[in-house]
Amino acid sequence: MKIQQAGETLQISEISELSAANSQAFRDRVRATIPAQVKTIEIDLAATSFMDSCGLGALIALYKSYSNSGAGVTIRLVNPTPPVQQLIELTQMHRLFEVEKR
């Protein structure tokens, strides 16, 4: 997983899977990295071949911590692979997160 900051945007990429095996580590690493001035968190899912309910839970935890808490942070899911896109749509997560293809 790669995390970098570009201005007020934190970009997270190179996530091969987001599952029970690594969802807690993902959540902990992202939380430890987020600086106070961040307004947008972009999670690039182009390399993510698998996501399960624990992976969704990690995304929801970030949403609750930063978007829904009044912190004013937008979380954007970028370039989800077809299986991940299908999971996002089936669980209606596209209502919580901005989902964008680039």
Protein backbone atom coordinates (compact mmCIF):
# COMPACT_ATOMS: atom_id res chain seq x y z
CA MET A 1 0.00 0.00 0.00
CA LYS A 2 1.26 3.44 -0.94
CA ILE A 3 0.18 6.63 0.86
CA GLN A 4 1.14 10.10 -0.31
CA GLN A 5 -0.12 13.61 0.23
CA ALA A 6 -0.78 16.09 -2.56
CA GLY A 7 -1.86 19.39 -1.04
CA GLU A 8 -5.08 18.83 0.89
CA THR A 9 -5.58 15.35 -0.60
CA LEU A 10 -4.29 12.11 0.87
CA GLN A 11 -3.88 9.53 -1.90
CA ILE A 12 -3.90 5.83 -1.03
CA SER A 13 -3.08 3.33 -3.76
CA GLU A 14 -1.55 -0.05 -4.57
CA ILE A 15 -3.98 -2.02 -2.43
CA SER A 16 -4.01 -5.58 -3.79
CA GLU A 17 -6.82 -6.70 -1.48
CA LEU A 18 -8.85 -5.31 1.37
CA SER A 19 -10.05 -8.21 3.48
CA ALA A 20 -10.10 -9.78 6.94
CA ALA A 21 -6.39 -10.46 6.57
CA ASN A 22 -5.37 -6.80 6.31
CA SER A 23 -8.34 -4.53 7.03
CA GLN A 24 -7.24 -3.63 10.57
CA ALA A 25 -3.70 -2.84 9.40
CA PHE A 26 -5.13 -0.73 6.56
CA ARG A 27 -7.34 1.22 8.96
CA ASP A 28 -4.52 1.74 11.48
CA ARG A 29 -2.00 2.84 8.87
CA VAL A 30 -4.38 5.32 7.23
CA ARG A 31 -5.42 6.83 10.57
CA ALA A 32 -1.78 7.19 11.64
CA THR A 33 -0.93 8.96 8.37
CA ILE A 34 -3.76 11.50 8.06
CA PRO A 35 -2.54 15.04 8.76
CA ALA A 36 -4.94 17.63 10.14
CA GLN A 37 -5.12 19.74 6.96
CA VAL A 38 -6.45 16.95 4.73
CA LYS A 39 -9.80 17.70 3.07
CA THR A 40 -10.01 14.67 0.74
CA ILE A 41 -8.97 11.05 1.05
CA GLU A 42 -8.73 9.29 -2.31
CA ILE A 43 -8.54 5.52 -2.17
CA ASP A 44 -7.44 4.17 -5.54
CA LEU A 45 -8.88 0.67 -5.97
CA ALA A 46 -7.47 0.02 -9.46
CA ALA A 47 -5.15 -2.71 -8.13
CA THR A 48 -7.67 -4.20 -5.70
CA SER A 49 -8.68 -7.64 -6.93
CA PHE A 50 -10.60 -8.66 -3.79
CA MET A 51 -12.61 -6.98 -1.06
CA ASP A 52 -14.76 -8.65 1.57
CA SER A 53 -17.03 -7.43 4.36
CA CYS A 54 -14.05 -6.62 6.60
CA GLY A 55 -12.63 -4.44 3.83
CA LEU A 56 -15.97 -2.65 3.56
CA GLY A 57 -15.93 -2.29 7.33
CA ALA A 58 -12.53 -0.60 7.17
CA LEU A 59 -13.86 1.91 4.62
CA ILE A 60 -16.95 2.56 6.75
CA ALA A 61 -14.78 3.10 9.82
CA LEU A 62 -12.81 5.76 7.92
CA TYR A 63 -16.06 7.33 6.76
CA LYS A 64 -17.40 7.49 10.33
CA SER A 65 -14.13 8.90 11.64
CA TYR A 66 -13.59 11.59 9.02
CA SER A 67 -16.63 12.26 6.82
CA ASN A 68 -19.49 11.75 9.22
CA SER A 69 -17.82 13.27 12.28
CA GLY A 70 -18.01 16.89 11.19
CA ALA A 71 -14.34 16.92 10.17
CA GLY A 72 -15.43 17.81 6.63
CA VAL A 73 -13.26 15.23 4.91
CA THR A 74 -14.49 13.74 1.63
CA ILE A 75 -13.63 10.10 0.99
CA ARG A 76 -13.48 9.19 -2.67
CA LEU A 77 -13.13 5.66 -4.06
CA VAL A 78 -11.30 5.87 -7.37
CA ASN A 79 -11.09 3.34 -10.22
CA PRO A 80 -12.63 0.31 -8.52
CA THR A 81 -12.10 -2.94 -10.39
CA PRO A 82 -15.29 -4.62 -11.69
CA PRO A 83 -15.62 -7.07 -8.74
CA VAL A 84 -15.07 -4.27 -6.22
CA GLN A 85 -17.46 -1.97 -8.11
CA GLN A 86 -20.09 -4.70 -7.99
CA LEU A 87 -19.64 -5.08 -4.22
CA ILE A 88 -19.88 -1.31 -3.74
CA GLU A 89 -23.13 -1.22 -5.70
CA LEU A 90 -24.66 -4.33 -4.06
CA THR A 91 -24.03 -2.91 -0.59
CA GLN A 92 -25.10 0.59 -1.71
CA MET A 93 -21.81 2.04 -0.48
CA HIS A 94 -21.90 4.42 -3.46
CA ARG A 95 -24.39 6.41 -1.37
CA LEU A 96 -21.75 7.08 1.31
CA PHE A 97 -18.67 7.49 -0.82
CA GLU A 98 -17.94 9.37 -3.98
CA VAL A 99 -17.04 6.73 -6.58
CA GLU A 100 -15.10 7.93 -9.58
CA LYS A 101 -13.60 6.34 -12.68
CA ARG A 102 -10.57 8.10 -14.12
